[in-house]
């Protein structure tokens, strides 16, 4: 199930969007205020965000900028404003797409699915500000790079891509070092310990996500 954050100050619009999206296997989280939305983004992982522009306290443009400081999650702006200048402004501030109200349900779904697909195919994973980018070969937290060895980088990326799946030490050796490797399980434990410490020092709560399954191996939980 894909997870979407809906941000709009109108409760009726939030409920309408949820009504559209739930039958298409979207788990919807709703926020009416910018601060509430930012808290959710810092605490949870979303596949996509639908963001209204006209909101109290902080408008959608400002909120889009704040989101981009901590996350690369795809953003679609959903607004009654249809002037070209508004669309260009939204895209320049970090939005990935823009759709005007009233919108066609099928078009909205198609745009959402295209962005989610593109984001997945980009070979990068973002979880609460921690970004694993295979293409650039970088792990970063809140845009600050974390220096890992190649084996550590591969390991954390593999478990992030396969959340909730438990990997034994033997499986990780086969995946990262190769089937013919003579590497022992203690080497895996050493790499995990070093990787955790580096990510912990960067400020990311790695122990909440990279879990030891005693007697078996390791897993990643979102």
N, C-alpha and C. Protein backbone atom coordinates (compact mmCIF):
# COMPACT_ATOMS: atom_id res chain seq x y z
N UNK A 1 0.84 -1.20 0.00
CA UNK A 1 0.00 0.00 0.00
C UNK A 1 0.88 1.25 0.00
N UNK A 2 0.55 2.21 -0.85
CA UNK A 2 1.33 3.45 -0.95
C UNK A 2 0.81 4.46 0.08
N UNK A 3 1.73 5.25 0.63
CA UNK A 3 1.38 6.18 1.70
C UNK A 3 1.43 7.61 1.19
N UNK A 4 0.34 8.35 1.36
CA UNK A 4 0.26 9.72 0.86
C UNK A 4 -0.09 10.66 2.01
N UNK A 5 0.57 11.82 2.04
CA UNK A 5 0.22 12.87 3.00
C UNK A 5 -0.60 13.93 2.28
N UNK A 6 -1.81 14.18 2.77
CA UNK A 6 -2.72 15.17 2.20
C UNK A 6 -2.68 16.41 3.07
N UNK A 7 -2.33 17.56 2.46
CA UNK A 7 -2.21 18.81 3.23
C UNK A 7 -3.16 19.85 2.63
N UNK A 8 -4.16 20.22 3.42
CA UNK A 8 -5.16 21.20 2.97
C UNK A 8 -5.87 21.73 4.21
N UNK A 9 -6.12 23.04 4.26
CA UNK A 9 -6.78 23.59 5.44
C UNK A 9 -8.27 23.29 5.46
N UNK A 10 -8.83 22.82 4.34
CA UNK A 10 -10.25 22.49 4.28
C UNK A 10 -10.46 21.01 4.55
N UNK A 11 -11.14 20.71 5.66
CA UNK A 11 -11.38 19.32 6.03
C UNK A 11 -12.17 18.59 4.96
N UNK A 12 -13.10 19.30 4.33
CA UNK A 12 -13.94 18.68 3.30
C UNK A 12 -13.08 18.19 2.13
N UNK A 13 -12.10 18.99 1.73
CA UNK A 13 -11.22 18.59 0.62
C UNK A 13 -10.35 17.39 1.02
N UNK A 14 -9.87 17.38 2.25
CA UNK A 14 -9.08 16.24 2.72
C UNK A 14 -9.90 14.96 2.67
N UNK A 15 -11.14 15.06 3.12
CA UNK A 15 -12.01 13.88 3.12
C UNK A 15 -12.33 13.42 1.70
N UNK A 16 -12.49 14.39 0.80
CA UNK A 16 -12.78 14.07 -0.60
C UNK A 16 -11.59 13.36 -1.25
N UNK A 17 -10.39 13.88 -1.01
CA UNK A 17 -9.19 13.24 -1.55
C UNK A 17 -9.03 11.82 -1.01
N UNK A 18 -9.27 11.67 0.28
CA UNK A 18 -9.17 10.33 0.87
C UNK A 18 -10.19 9.38 0.25
N UNK A 19 -11.38 9.88 0.00
CA UNK A 19 -12.43 9.08 -0.64
C UNK A 19 -12.00 8.62 -2.03
N UNK A 20 -11.33 9.51 -2.77
CA UNK A 20 -10.82 9.17 -4.11
C UNK A 20 -9.72 8.10 -4.04
N UNK A 21 -8.81 8.28 -3.09
CA UNK A 21 -7.56 7.53 -3.11
C UNK A 21 -7.61 6.17 -2.41
N UNK A 22 -8.43 6.03 -1.38
CA UNK A 22 -8.45 4.78 -0.62
C UNK A 22 -8.76 3.55 -1.48
N UNK A 23 -9.74 3.62 -2.41
CA UNK A 23 -10.01 2.44 -3.24
C UNK A 23 -8.83 2.04 -4.14
N UNK A 24 -7.88 2.96 -4.31
CA UNK A 24 -6.71 2.69 -5.16
C UNK A 24 -5.48 2.34 -4.31
N UNK A 25 -5.74 1.86 -3.10
CA UNK A 25 -4.69 1.33 -2.22
C UNK A 25 -3.70 2.39 -1.74
N UNK A 26 -4.24 3.57 -1.41
CA UNK A 26 -3.42 4.61 -0.79
C UNK A 26 -3.79 4.71 0.68
N UNK A 27 -2.77 4.69 1.52
CA UNK A 27 -2.95 4.94 2.95
C UNK A 27 -2.81 6.44 3.16
N UNK A 28 -3.88 7.10 3.57
CA UNK A 28 -3.91 8.57 3.60
C UNK A 28 -3.71 9.12 5.01
N UNK A 29 -2.77 10.03 5.14
CA UNK A 29 -2.58 10.79 6.37
C UNK A 29 -2.97 12.23 6.06
N UNK A 30 -3.73 12.88 6.95
CA UNK A 30 -4.27 14.20 6.65
C UNK A 30 -3.74 15.26 7.62
N UNK A 31 -3.41 16.44 7.06
CA UNK A 31 -2.94 17.55 7.89
C UNK A 31 -3.59 18.84 7.41
N UNK A 32 -4.07 19.65 8.35
CA UNK A 32 -4.70 20.93 7.99
C UNK A 32 -3.78 22.12 8.21
N UNK A 33 -2.70 21.92 8.94
CA UNK A 33 -1.76 23.00 9.23
C UNK A 33 -0.34 22.60 8.82
N UNK A 34 0.46 23.58 8.46
CA UNK A 34 1.82 23.33 7.99
C UNK A 34 2.68 22.67 9.07
N UNK A 35 2.60 23.17 10.31
CA UNK A 35 3.42 22.59 11.38
C UNK A 35 3.07 21.13 11.62
N UNK A 36 1.80 20.82 11.54
CA UNK A 36 1.35 19.44 11.69
C UNK A 36 1.94 18.57 10.58
N UNK A 37 1.90 19.09 9.35
CA UNK A 37 2.42 18.34 8.21
C UNK A 37 3.92 18.09 8.36
N UNK A 38 4.67 19.11 8.77
CA UNK A 38 6.13 18.97 8.93
C UNK A 38 6.47 17.94 10.01
N UNK A 39 5.68 17.91 11.05
CA UNK A 39 5.89 16.90 12.10
C UNK A 39 5.71 15.50 11.55
N UNK A 40 4.66 15.30 10.76
CA UNK A 40 4.42 13.98 10.15
C UNK A 40 5.59 13.58 9.25
N UNK A 41 6.08 14.54 8.46
CA UNK A 41 7.16 14.24 7.51
C UNK A 41 8.45 13.87 8.24
N UNK A 42 8.68 14.49 9.38
CA UNK A 42 9.88 14.19 10.16
C UNK A 42 9.77 12.84 10.87
N UNK A 43 8.55 12.40 11.15
CA UNK A 43 8.35 11.18 11.93
C UNK A 43 8.01 9.96 11.08
N UNK A 44 7.49 10.17 9.86
CA UNK A 44 7.03 9.06 9.05
C UNK A 44 7.58 9.16 7.63
N UNK A 45 7.39 8.10 6.87
CA UNK A 45 7.83 8.05 5.48
C UNK A 45 6.61 8.04 4.57
N UNK A 46 6.64 8.90 3.55
CA UNK A 46 5.53 8.97 2.59
C UNK A 46 6.04 8.74 1.17
N UNK A 47 5.18 8.16 0.34
CA UNK A 47 5.53 7.95 -1.06
C UNK A 47 5.28 9.20 -1.88
N UNK A 48 4.32 10.04 -1.42
CA UNK A 48 3.97 11.25 -2.18
C UNK A 48 3.19 12.19 -1.27
N UNK A 49 3.22 13.49 -1.61
CA UNK A 49 2.48 14.51 -0.87
C UNK A 49 1.59 15.29 -1.82
N UNK A 50 0.33 15.52 -1.44
CA UNK A 50 -0.56 16.43 -2.16
C UNK A 50 -0.70 17.68 -1.30
N UNK A 51 -0.34 18.82 -1.87
CA UNK A 51 -0.20 20.05 -1.08
C UNK A 51 -1.04 21.19 -1.65
N UNK A 52 -1.92 21.73 -0.82
CA UNK A 52 -2.71 22.91 -1.20
C UNK A 52 -1.85 24.16 -1.03
N UNK A 53 -2.19 25.24 -1.76
CA UNK A 53 -1.41 26.48 -1.66
C UNK A 53 -1.97 27.43 -0.62
N UNK A 54 -3.28 27.70 -0.69
CA UNK A 54 -3.87 28.72 0.16
C UNK A 54 -4.20 28.15 1.54
N UNK A 55 -3.26 28.37 2.49
CA UNK A 55 -3.45 27.89 3.85
C UNK A 55 -3.05 28.98 4.84
N UNK A 56 -3.61 28.94 6.06
CA UNK A 56 -3.24 29.95 7.07
C UNK A 56 -1.84 29.69 7.62
N UNK A 57 -1.27 30.68 8.26
CA UNK A 57 0.03 30.61 8.93
C UNK A 57 1.19 30.48 7.94
N UNK A 58 1.20 29.41 7.16
CA UNK A 58 2.25 29.20 6.17
C UNK A 58 1.59 28.67 4.90
N UNK A 59 1.79 29.39 3.77
CA UNK A 59 1.13 28.94 2.54
C UNK A 59 1.88 27.75 1.92
N UNK A 60 1.27 27.19 0.89
CA UNK A 60 1.83 25.99 0.27
C UNK A 60 3.20 26.19 -0.34
N UNK A 61 3.46 27.36 -0.88
CA UNK A 61 4.78 27.64 -1.45
C UNK A 61 5.86 27.60 -0.36
N UNK A 62 5.56 28.27 0.76
CA UNK A 62 6.53 28.28 1.86
C UNK A 62 6.72 26.88 2.44
N UNK A 63 5.61 26.15 2.57
CA UNK A 63 5.68 24.80 3.11
C UNK A 63 6.47 23.87 2.18
N UNK A 64 6.29 24.05 0.89
CA UNK A 64 7.03 23.26 -0.09
C UNK A 64 8.54 23.46 0.11
N UNK A 65 8.96 24.69 0.32
CA UNK A 65 10.37 24.98 0.56
C UNK A 65 10.87 24.31 1.84
N UNK A 66 10.05 24.34 2.89
CA UNK A 66 10.43 23.72 4.15
C UNK A 66 10.56 22.20 4.00
N UNK A 67 9.64 21.61 3.26
CA UNK A 67 9.69 20.16 3.04
C UNK A 67 10.97 19.80 2.29
N UNK A 68 11.33 20.61 1.30
CA UNK A 68 12.51 20.31 0.51
C UNK A 68 13.81 20.41 1.32
N UNK A 69 13.78 21.08 2.45
CA UNK A 69 14.97 21.15 3.30
C UNK A 69 15.24 19.81 3.97
N UNK A 70 14.19 18.99 4.11
CA UNK A 70 14.35 17.74 4.87
C UNK A 70 13.99 16.49 4.07
N UNK A 71 13.40 16.64 2.89
CA UNK A 71 12.93 15.45 2.18
C UNK A 71 12.87 15.67 0.68
N UNK A 72 13.09 14.58 -0.08
CA UNK A 72 12.94 14.60 -1.53
C UNK A 72 11.66 13.91 -1.97
N UNK A 73 10.72 13.71 -1.06
CA UNK A 73 9.47 13.03 -1.39
C UNK A 73 8.74 13.79 -2.52
N UNK A 74 8.17 13.09 -3.49
CA UNK A 74 7.45 13.78 -4.58
C UNK A 74 6.28 14.62 -4.04
N UNK A 75 6.14 15.82 -4.58
CA UNK A 75 5.08 16.75 -4.16
C UNK A 75 4.25 17.17 -5.37
N UNK A 76 2.93 17.03 -5.25
CA UNK A 76 2.01 17.59 -6.25
C UNK A 76 1.24 18.71 -5.57
N UNK A 77 1.30 19.90 -6.13
CA UNK A 77 0.50 21.00 -5.62
C UNK A 77 -0.90 20.90 -6.20
N UNK A 78 -1.90 21.00 -5.33
CA UNK A 78 -3.30 20.91 -5.74
C UNK A 78 -3.95 22.23 -5.35
N UNK A 79 -4.33 23.05 -6.35
CA UNK A 79 -4.79 24.40 -6.04
C UNK A 79 -5.85 24.88 -7.02
N UNK A 80 -6.68 25.80 -6.54
CA UNK A 80 -7.66 26.44 -7.42
C UNK A 80 -6.99 27.52 -8.27
N UNK A 81 -5.77 27.90 -7.91
CA UNK A 81 -5.05 28.93 -8.67
C UNK A 81 -4.47 28.29 -9.93
N UNK A 82 -4.87 28.83 -11.09
CA UNK A 82 -4.45 28.20 -12.34
C UNK A 82 -3.62 29.11 -13.23
N UNK A 83 -3.21 30.28 -12.68
CA UNK A 83 -2.36 31.17 -13.46
C UNK A 83 -1.00 30.51 -13.71
N UNK A 84 -0.47 30.73 -14.91
CA UNK A 84 0.82 30.13 -15.26
C UNK A 84 1.92 30.53 -14.28
N UNK A 85 1.85 31.78 -13.80
CA UNK A 85 2.88 32.26 -12.87
C UNK A 85 2.88 31.43 -11.59
N UNK A 86 1.68 31.05 -11.13
CA UNK A 86 1.58 30.24 -9.90
C UNK A 86 2.14 28.84 -10.12
N UNK A 87 1.85 28.28 -11.29
CA UNK A 87 2.35 26.94 -11.61
C UNK A 87 3.87 26.95 -11.67
N UNK A 88 4.42 27.95 -12.37
CA UNK A 88 5.89 28.05 -12.49
C UNK A 88 6.53 28.26 -11.13
N UNK A 89 5.91 29.10 -10.30
CA UNK A 89 6.45 29.36 -8.96
C UNK A 89 6.50 28.09 -8.14
N UNK A 90 5.41 27.31 -8.18
CA UNK A 90 5.37 26.06 -7.43
C UNK A 90 6.45 25.09 -7.86
N UNK A 91 6.64 24.95 -9.16
CA UNK A 91 7.65 24.03 -9.68
C UNK A 91 9.06 24.49 -9.32
N UNK A 92 9.28 25.80 -9.38
CA UNK A 92 10.61 26.32 -9.05
C UNK A 92 10.95 26.19 -7.56
N UNK A 93 9.92 26.15 -6.72
CA UNK A 93 10.15 26.04 -5.28
C UNK A 93 10.30 24.60 -4.81
N UNK A 94 10.19 23.65 -5.76
CA UNK A 94 10.46 22.27 -5.39
C UNK A 94 9.35 21.27 -5.64
N UNK A 95 8.17 21.75 -6.07
CA UNK A 95 7.09 20.81 -6.39
C UNK A 95 7.45 20.03 -7.65
N UNK A 96 6.95 18.80 -7.74
CA UNK A 96 7.21 17.96 -8.91
C UNK A 96 6.11 18.08 -9.95
N UNK A 97 4.91 18.48 -9.53
CA UNK A 97 3.79 18.60 -10.45
C UNK A 97 2.77 19.55 -9.84
N UNK A 98 1.78 19.94 -10.65
CA UNK A 98 0.79 20.93 -10.23
C UNK A 98 -0.52 20.58 -10.92
N UNK A 99 -1.60 20.47 -10.15
CA UNK A 99 -2.90 20.17 -10.74
C UNK A 99 -3.92 21.13 -10.15
N UNK A 100 -4.84 21.62 -10.98
CA UNK A 100 -5.78 22.64 -10.52
C UNK A 100 -7.13 22.02 -10.14
N UNK A 101 -7.78 22.64 -9.14
CA UNK A 101 -9.13 22.26 -8.73
C UNK A 101 -10.14 22.99 -9.62
N UNK A 102 -11.26 22.36 -9.94
CA UNK A 102 -11.60 20.96 -9.68
C UNK A 102 -10.79 20.06 -10.61
N UNK A 103 -10.34 18.93 -10.12
CA UNK A 103 -9.49 18.04 -10.90
C UNK A 103 -10.24 16.77 -11.28
N UNK A 104 -9.72 16.13 -12.30
CA UNK A 104 -10.26 14.85 -12.73
C UNK A 104 -9.59 13.75 -11.90
N UNK A 105 -10.39 12.88 -11.32
CA UNK A 105 -9.85 11.83 -10.45
C UNK A 105 -8.83 10.95 -11.18
N UNK A 106 -9.14 10.56 -12.40
CA UNK A 106 -8.24 9.71 -13.16
C UNK A 106 -6.92 10.39 -13.46
N UNK A 107 -6.98 11.69 -13.80
CA UNK A 107 -5.75 12.43 -14.09
C UNK A 107 -4.88 12.55 -12.84
N UNK A 108 -5.51 12.83 -11.69
CA UNK A 108 -4.76 12.95 -10.45
C UNK A 108 -4.06 11.63 -10.13
N UNK A 109 -4.77 10.54 -10.24
CA UNK A 109 -4.19 9.22 -9.95
C UNK A 109 -3.03 8.91 -10.89
N UNK A 110 -3.22 9.23 -12.18
CA UNK A 110 -2.17 8.95 -13.17
C UNK A 110 -0.91 9.76 -12.86
N UNK A 111 -1.08 11.02 -12.47
CA UNK A 111 0.07 11.87 -12.15
C UNK A 111 0.79 11.36 -10.89
N UNK A 112 0.00 10.94 -9.90
CA UNK A 112 0.58 10.42 -8.66
C UNK A 112 1.38 9.14 -8.94
N UNK A 113 0.79 8.24 -9.68
CA UNK A 113 1.45 6.96 -9.97
C UNK A 113 2.72 7.17 -10.79
N UNK A 114 2.69 8.13 -11.73
CA UNK A 114 3.87 8.41 -12.55
C UNK A 114 5.02 8.94 -11.68
N UNK A 115 4.70 9.82 -10.73
CA UNK A 115 5.74 10.38 -9.87
C UNK A 115 6.31 9.33 -8.93
N UNK A 116 5.44 8.50 -8.37
CA UNK A 116 5.90 7.44 -7.47
C UNK A 116 6.79 6.46 -8.23
N UNK A 117 6.38 6.12 -9.45
CA UNK A 117 7.16 5.19 -10.27
C UNK A 117 8.52 5.79 -10.60
N UNK A 118 8.52 7.06 -10.97
CA UNK A 118 9.78 7.73 -11.31
C UNK A 118 10.70 7.81 -10.10
N UNK A 119 10.14 8.08 -8.95
CA UNK A 119 10.93 8.19 -7.73
C UNK A 119 11.54 6.84 -7.36
N UNK A 120 10.78 5.77 -7.53
CA UNK A 120 11.29 4.43 -7.21
C UNK A 120 12.40 4.02 -8.17
N UNK A 121 12.22 4.36 -9.45
CA UNK A 121 13.19 3.96 -10.45
C UNK A 121 14.47 4.78 -10.38
N UNK A 122 14.44 5.84 -9.60
CA UNK A 122 15.61 6.69 -9.48
C UNK A 122 16.70 6.09 -8.60
N UNK A 123 16.46 4.86 -8.08
CA UNK A 123 17.44 4.17 -7.25
C UNK A 123 17.86 4.99 -6.04
N UNK A 124 16.89 5.67 -5.45
CA UNK A 124 17.19 6.31 -4.18
C UNK A 124 16.01 6.13 -3.24
N UNK A 125 16.32 6.06 -1.96
CA UNK A 125 15.32 5.85 -0.93
C UNK A 125 15.48 6.93 0.11
N UNK A 126 14.38 7.52 0.54
CA UNK A 126 14.43 8.59 1.53
C UNK A 126 13.51 8.22 2.69
N UNK A 127 14.05 8.20 3.89
CA UNK A 127 13.28 7.87 5.08
C UNK A 127 13.59 8.89 6.17
N UNK A 128 12.61 9.73 6.45
CA UNK A 128 12.74 10.72 7.53
C UNK A 128 14.02 11.54 7.45
N UNK A 129 14.35 11.96 6.23
CA UNK A 129 15.53 12.81 6.04
C UNK A 129 16.80 12.05 5.72
N UNK A 130 16.80 10.72 5.90
CA UNK A 130 17.97 9.90 5.54
C UNK A 130 17.81 9.46 4.09
N UNK A 131 18.73 9.87 3.24
CA UNK A 131 18.63 9.60 1.80
C UNK A 131 19.77 8.69 1.35
N UNK A 132 19.38 7.53 0.80
CA UNK A 132 20.34 6.61 0.19
C UNK A 132 20.21 6.77 -1.32
N UNK A 133 21.25 7.28 -1.96
CA UNK A 133 21.22 7.59 -3.39
C UNK A 133 22.26 6.74 -4.11
N UNK A 134 21.79 5.69 -4.76
CA UNK A 134 22.71 4.76 -5.44
C UNK A 134 23.39 5.42 -6.63
N UNK A 135 22.65 6.26 -7.34
CA UNK A 135 23.21 6.88 -8.54
C UNK A 135 24.40 7.79 -8.21
N UNK A 136 24.27 8.56 -7.14
CA UNK A 136 25.36 9.46 -6.73
C UNK A 136 26.29 8.81 -5.71
N UNK A 137 25.94 7.60 -5.29
CA UNK A 137 26.71 6.84 -4.32
C UNK A 137 26.91 7.66 -3.04
N UNK A 138 25.79 8.15 -2.50
CA UNK A 138 25.84 9.02 -1.32
C UNK A 138 24.74 8.61 -0.34
N UNK A 139 25.11 8.54 0.93
CA UNK A 139 24.13 8.47 2.00
C UNK A 139 24.21 9.79 2.73
N UNK A 140 23.05 10.44 2.93
CA UNK A 140 23.07 11.74 3.59
C UNK A 140 21.88 11.84 4.55
N UNK A 141 22.04 12.69 5.54
CA UNK A 141 20.95 12.98 6.47
C UNK A 141 20.73 14.48 6.52
N UNK A 142 19.52 14.89 6.15
CA UNK A 142 19.19 16.32 6.05
C UNK A 142 20.22 17.05 5.19
N UNK A 143 20.54 16.41 4.06
CA UNK A 143 21.44 16.95 3.03
C UNK A 143 22.92 17.00 3.45
N UNK A 144 23.28 16.39 4.59
CA UNK A 144 24.68 16.33 5.00
C UNK A 144 25.20 14.91 4.76
N UNK A 145 26.24 14.76 3.92
CA UNK A 145 26.75 13.42 3.59
C UNK A 145 27.29 12.68 4.81
N UNK A 146 27.09 11.35 4.80
CA UNK A 146 27.64 10.47 5.83
C UNK A 146 28.64 9.56 5.14
N UNK A 147 29.89 9.57 5.59
CA UNK A 147 30.93 8.78 4.93
C UNK A 147 30.88 7.33 5.38
N UNK A 148 30.55 6.44 4.43
CA UNK A 148 30.51 5.01 4.69
C UNK A 148 31.49 4.30 3.76
N UNK A 149 31.92 3.13 4.15
CA UNK A 149 32.72 2.30 3.24
C UNK A 149 31.77 1.74 2.18
N UNK A 150 32.29 1.28 1.04
CA UNK A 150 31.41 0.70 0.00
C UNK A 150 30.54 -0.43 0.52
N UNK A 151 31.08 -1.30 1.38
CA UNK A 151 30.30 -2.42 1.92
C UNK A 151 29.19 -1.91 2.84
N UNK A 152 29.51 -0.92 3.67
CA UNK A 152 28.50 -0.35 4.56
C UNK A 152 27.39 0.31 3.75
N UNK A 153 27.77 1.04 2.71
CA UNK A 153 26.79 1.71 1.86
C UNK A 153 25.85 0.70 1.20
N UNK A 154 26.42 -0.37 0.66
CA UNK A 154 25.61 -1.40 0.00
C UNK A 154 24.68 -2.07 1.00
N UNK A 155 25.19 -2.36 2.18
CA UNK A 155 24.39 -3.05 3.19
C UNK A 155 23.18 -2.23 3.63
N UNK A 156 23.41 -0.96 3.99
CA UNK A 156 22.29 -0.15 4.47
C UNK A 156 21.27 0.09 3.36
N UNK A 157 21.74 0.25 2.13
CA UNK A 157 20.81 0.41 1.01
C UNK A 157 19.97 -0.82 0.78
N UNK A 158 20.59 -1.99 0.93
CA UNK A 158 19.85 -3.24 0.68
C UNK A 158 18.75 -3.44 1.70
N UNK A 159 19.05 -3.20 2.98
CA UNK A 159 18.00 -3.41 3.99
C UNK A 159 16.93 -2.32 3.91
N UNK A 160 17.31 -1.09 3.54
CA UNK A 160 16.31 -0.03 3.39
C UNK A 160 15.34 -0.35 2.27
N UNK A 161 15.85 -0.93 1.19
CA UNK A 161 15.00 -1.28 0.04
C UNK A 161 14.08 -2.45 0.35
N UNK A 162 14.40 -3.21 1.37
CA UNK A 162 13.62 -4.41 1.69
C UNK A 162 13.17 -4.35 3.15
N UNK A 163 12.45 -3.28 3.49
CA UNK A 163 12.06 -3.06 4.88
C UNK A 163 11.23 -4.22 5.41
N UNK A 164 11.44 -4.51 6.68
CA UNK A 164 10.77 -5.57 7.44
C UNK A 164 11.19 -6.98 7.05
N UNK A 165 12.09 -7.12 6.09
CA UNK A 165 12.61 -8.45 5.74
C UNK A 165 13.87 -8.72 6.56
N UNK A 166 13.90 -9.88 7.22
CA UNK A 166 15.04 -10.24 8.05
C UNK A 166 16.10 -10.91 7.17
N UNK A 167 17.34 -10.41 7.28
CA UNK A 167 18.47 -10.99 6.54
C UNK A 167 19.43 -11.63 7.53
N UNK A 168 19.73 -12.90 7.30
CA UNK A 168 20.73 -13.57 8.15
C UNK A 168 22.12 -13.03 7.78
N UNK A 169 23.08 -13.27 8.63
CA UNK A 169 24.45 -12.86 8.33
C UNK A 169 24.96 -13.54 7.06
N UNK A 170 24.59 -14.79 6.89
CA UNK A 170 25.01 -15.54 5.70
C UNK A 170 24.43 -14.92 4.43
N UNK A 171 23.16 -14.50 4.51
CA UNK A 171 22.54 -13.87 3.33
C UNK A 171 23.24 -12.56 2.99
N UNK A 172 23.56 -11.77 4.00
CA UNK A 172 24.24 -10.49 3.75
C UNK A 172 25.63 -10.71 3.18
N UNK A 173 26.31 -11.74 3.65
CA UNK A 173 27.64 -12.05 3.09
C UNK A 173 27.51 -12.41 1.61
N UNK A 174 26.53 -13.27 1.28
CA UNK A 174 26.33 -13.67 -0.12
C UNK A 174 25.98 -12.47 -0.99
N UNK A 175 25.12 -11.57 -0.46
CA UNK A 175 24.64 -10.43 -1.24
C UNK A 175 25.73 -9.38 -1.44
N UNK A 176 26.57 -9.17 -0.42
CA UNK A 176 27.51 -8.05 -0.45
C UNK A 176 28.93 -8.48 -0.81
N UNK A 177 29.36 -9.60 -0.27
CA UNK A 177 30.72 -10.07 -0.54
C UNK A 177 30.78 -11.10 -1.67
N UNK A 178 29.64 -11.77 -1.92
CA UNK A 178 29.61 -12.80 -2.95
C UNK A 178 29.53 -14.19 -2.36
N UNK A 179 28.94 -15.11 -3.11
CA UNK A 179 28.68 -16.46 -2.62
C UNK A 179 29.96 -17.19 -2.25
N UNK A 180 31.04 -16.94 -2.99
CA UNK A 180 32.29 -17.67 -2.76
C UNK A 180 33.17 -17.04 -1.67
N UNK A 181 32.67 -16.00 -1.04
CA UNK A 181 33.48 -15.30 -0.04
C UNK A 181 33.68 -16.17 1.20
N UNK A 182 34.83 -16.02 1.83
CA UNK A 182 35.12 -16.72 3.08
C UNK A 182 34.90 -15.81 4.29
N UNK A 183 34.22 -14.70 4.05
CA UNK A 183 33.92 -13.75 5.13
C UNK A 183 33.04 -14.43 6.18
N UNK A 184 33.29 -14.09 7.46
CA UNK A 184 32.53 -14.68 8.56
C UNK A 184 31.49 -13.71 9.09
N UNK A 185 30.55 -14.27 9.86
CA UNK A 185 29.47 -13.46 10.42
C UNK A 185 29.95 -12.33 11.29
N UNK A 186 31.10 -12.53 11.96
CA UNK A 186 31.64 -11.46 12.81
C UNK A 186 32.00 -10.21 12.00
N UNK A 187 32.36 -10.42 10.74
CA UNK A 187 32.67 -9.28 9.86
C UNK A 187 31.42 -8.44 9.62
N UNK A 188 30.30 -9.13 9.41
CA UNK A 188 29.02 -8.42 9.24
C UNK A 188 28.72 -7.60 10.48
N UNK A 189 28.86 -8.20 11.66
CA UNK A 189 28.57 -7.49 12.91
C UNK A 189 29.46 -6.26 13.06
N UNK A 190 30.72 -6.38 12.66
CA UNK A 190 31.64 -5.25 12.75
C UNK A 190 31.22 -4.12 11.81
N UNK A 191 30.82 -4.48 10.57
CA UNK A 191 30.36 -3.47 9.62
C UNK A 191 29.08 -2.79 10.10
N UNK A 192 28.18 -3.58 10.66
CA UNK A 192 26.93 -3.02 11.18
C UNK A 192 27.22 -2.05 12.32
N UNK A 193 28.09 -2.42 13.22
CA UNK A 193 28.44 -1.56 14.35
C UNK A 193 29.03 -0.24 13.88
N UNK A 194 29.95 -0.30 12.93
CA UNK A 194 30.57 0.92 12.42
C UNK A 194 29.58 1.79 11.67
N UNK A 195 28.75 1.16 10.84
CA UNK A 195 27.76 1.89 10.05
C UNK A 195 26.76 2.59 10.96
N UNK A 196 26.28 1.87 11.98
CA UNK A 196 25.32 2.47 12.92
C UNK A 196 25.92 3.69 13.61
N UNK A 197 27.17 3.57 14.04
CA UNK A 197 27.81 4.66 14.77
C UNK A 197 27.96 5.90 13.89
N UNK A 198 28.33 5.71 12.63
CA UNK A 198 28.48 6.85 11.72
C UNK A 198 27.15 7.56 11.48
N UNK A 199 26.10 6.77 11.28
CA UNK A 199 24.78 7.36 11.03
C UNK A 199 24.22 8.00 12.30
N UNK A 200 24.48 7.37 13.44
CA UNK A 200 24.03 7.92 14.73
C UNK A 200 24.68 9.28 14.98
N UNK A 201 25.99 9.38 14.69
CA UNK A 201 26.70 10.65 14.89
C UNK A 201 26.14 11.76 14.01
N UNK A 202 25.59 11.39 12.86
CA UNK A 202 25.00 12.39 11.96
C UNK A 202 23.66 12.90 12.46
N UNK A 203 23.10 12.22 13.48
CA UNK A 203 21.84 12.70 14.07
C UNK A 203 20.61 11.88 13.73
N UNK A 204 20.76 10.90 12.84
CA UNK A 204 19.61 10.08 12.46
C UNK A 204 19.42 8.97 13.50
N UNK A 205 18.16 8.71 13.94
CA UNK A 205 17.91 7.67 14.95
C UNK A 205 17.99 6.27 14.35
N UNK A 206 19.19 5.85 14.00
CA UNK A 206 19.39 4.59 13.28
C UNK A 206 18.89 3.39 14.09
N UNK A 207 18.99 3.45 15.43
CA UNK A 207 18.59 2.31 16.24
C UNK A 207 17.07 2.08 16.23
N UNK A 208 16.32 3.09 15.79
CA UNK A 208 14.88 2.91 15.65
C UNK A 208 14.52 2.18 14.37
N UNK A 209 15.47 2.05 13.46
CA UNK A 209 15.18 1.49 12.14
C UNK A 209 15.99 0.24 11.81
N UNK A 210 17.31 0.30 12.03
CA UNK A 210 18.16 -0.86 11.72
C UNK A 210 18.20 -1.74 12.95
N UNK A 211 17.44 -2.83 12.92
CA UNK A 211 17.22 -3.66 14.10
C UNK A 211 18.03 -4.96 14.04
N UNK A 212 18.51 -5.38 15.20
CA UNK A 212 19.12 -6.69 15.33
C UNK A 212 18.03 -7.70 15.69
N UNK A 213 17.93 -8.77 14.94
CA UNK A 213 17.01 -9.86 15.26
C UNK A 213 17.87 -10.95 15.88
N UNK A 214 17.84 -11.03 17.19
CA UNK A 214 18.77 -11.86 17.94
C UNK A 214 18.71 -13.31 17.48
N UNK A 215 19.89 -13.85 17.20
CA UNK A 215 19.99 -15.24 16.78
C UNK A 215 19.73 -15.46 15.31
N UNK A 216 19.33 -14.40 14.59
CA UNK A 216 18.99 -14.54 13.16
C UNK A 216 19.84 -13.61 12.30
N UNK A 217 19.68 -12.30 12.49
CA UNK A 217 20.41 -11.36 11.65
C UNK A 217 19.93 -9.94 11.86
N UNK A 218 19.59 -9.25 10.76
CA UNK A 218 19.24 -7.84 10.83
C UNK A 218 18.05 -7.54 9.92
N UNK A 219 17.35 -6.44 10.25
CA UNK A 219 16.27 -5.97 9.39
C UNK A 219 16.11 -4.47 9.55
N UNK A 220 15.44 -3.87 8.56
CA UNK A 220 15.13 -2.43 8.59
C UNK A 220 13.63 -2.27 8.78
N UNK A 221 13.22 -1.40 9.70
CA UNK A 221 11.80 -1.09 9.89
C UNK A 221 11.59 0.39 9.69
N UNK A 222 10.50 0.74 9.01
CA UNK A 222 10.17 2.15 8.80
C UNK A 222 9.36 2.72 9.96
